[in-house]
């Protein structure tokens, strides 16, 4: 995916899902379908219909999430995830 390029084309709900799940390494097929529908892209998917995020995609999403504050005014907390085995 190229989240940075298409960020402004994504609906607020899609942007929120990505910011709420900043550690995701793979976007599930439902969100992949929504992303492709909103951007007109037809990116590569895995055998389950999901799409792997690049390191740049994950970094961009985390930057966007840090830039948005929750209602309490606190910055979101991130937790590391472990990637799938090759």
Protein backbone atom coordinates (compact mmCIF):
# COMPACT_ATOMS: atom_id res chain seq x y z
CA UNK A 1 0.00 0.00 0.00
CA UNK A 2 0.97 3.60 -0.27
CA UNK A 3 -0.91 5.13 2.63
CA UNK A 4 0.94 8.44 2.48
CA UNK A 5 -0.07 9.03 -1.15
CA UNK A 6 -3.73 8.20 -0.61
CA UNK A 7 -4.34 9.54 2.90
CA UNK A 8 -6.52 12.44 1.78
CA UNK A 9 -8.66 10.12 -0.37
CA UNK A 10 -9.51 7.89 2.58
CA UNK A 11 -12.71 8.46 4.51
CA UNK A 12 -12.43 9.68 8.11
CA UNK A 13 -13.62 6.22 9.26
CA UNK A 14 -10.83 4.48 7.33
CA UNK A 15 -8.25 6.94 8.61
CA UNK A 16 -9.52 6.40 12.17
CA UNK A 17 -9.27 2.60 11.81
CA UNK A 18 -5.68 2.89 10.62
CA UNK A 19 -4.79 5.29 13.47
CA UNK A 20 -6.55 3.04 16.00
CA UNK A 21 -4.47 0.08 14.77
CA UNK A 22 -1.03 1.64 14.17
CA UNK A 23 0.88 -1.55 14.93
CA UNK A 24 -0.90 -3.62 12.30
CA UNK A 25 1.48 -5.16 9.81
CA UNK A 26 -1.33 -6.57 7.68
CA UNK A 27 -4.57 -4.79 6.81
CA UNK A 28 -7.47 -7.30 6.92
CA UNK A 29 -9.34 -8.04 3.71
CA UNK A 30 -12.40 -5.99 4.69
CA UNK A 31 -10.29 -2.88 5.26
CA UNK A 32 -8.23 -3.66 2.15
CA UNK A 33 -11.43 -3.73 0.08
CA UNK A 34 -12.56 -0.42 1.61
CA UNK A 35 -9.12 1.13 1.00
CA UNK A 36 -9.10 -0.05 -2.63
CA UNK A 37 -12.65 1.22 -3.16
CA UNK A 38 -11.85 4.66 -1.76
CA UNK A 39 -8.60 5.07 -3.69
CA UNK A 40 -9.35 3.17 -6.90
CA UNK A 41 -6.24 1.09 -6.35
CA UNK A 42 -6.08 -2.66 -6.76
CA UNK A 43 -3.01 -3.54 -4.71
CA UNK A 44 -1.55 -6.96 -4.12
CA UNK A 45 -3.24 -9.10 -1.48
CA UNK A 46 -2.16 -12.22 0.39
CA UNK A 47 -4.00 -15.56 0.29
CA UNK A 48 -6.49 -14.26 2.87
CA UNK A 49 -7.24 -11.03 0.98
CA UNK A 50 -5.26 -8.80 3.30
CA UNK A 51 -2.49 -6.37 2.40
CA UNK A 52 0.90 -6.04 4.06
CA UNK A 53 1.89 -2.57 5.16
CA UNK A 54 5.39 -1.36 4.40
CA UNK A 55 7.59 0.08 7.12
CA UNK A 56 6.94 3.53 5.59
CA UNK A 57 3.16 2.93 5.75
CA UNK A 58 3.35 1.95 9.43
CA UNK A 59 5.56 4.93 10.28
CA UNK A 60 3.20 7.33 8.48
CA UNK A 61 0.15 5.90 10.26
CA UNK A 62 1.90 6.21 13.63
CA UNK A 63 2.81 9.83 12.84
CA UNK A 64 -0.81 10.57 11.96
CA UNK A 65 -2.01 8.90 15.16
CA UNK A 66 0.47 10.88 17.26
CA UNK A 67 -0.76 14.07 15.62
CA UNK A 68 -4.34 13.36 16.65
CA UNK A 69 -5.21 13.57 20.32
CA UNK A 70 -7.92 11.63 22.07
CA UNK A 71 -10.68 13.43 23.95
CA UNK A 72 -8.60 13.51 27.14
CA UNK A 73 -5.82 15.32 25.28
CA UNK A 74 -3.36 12.49 25.77
CA UNK A 75 -1.18 11.09 23.02
CA UNK A 76 -1.99 7.52 22.03
CA UNK A 77 0.24 4.73 23.31
CA UNK A 78 1.78 2.28 20.87
CA UNK A 79 2.78 -1.30 21.44
CA UNK A 80 5.19 -3.24 19.28
CA UNK A 81 3.90 -6.19 17.32
CA UNK A 82 5.73 -9.20 16.02
CA UNK A 83 5.68 -9.85 12.29
CA UNK A 84 4.57 -13.10 10.74
CA UNK A 85 7.21 -15.74 10.20
CA UNK A 86 8.48 -16.14 6.63
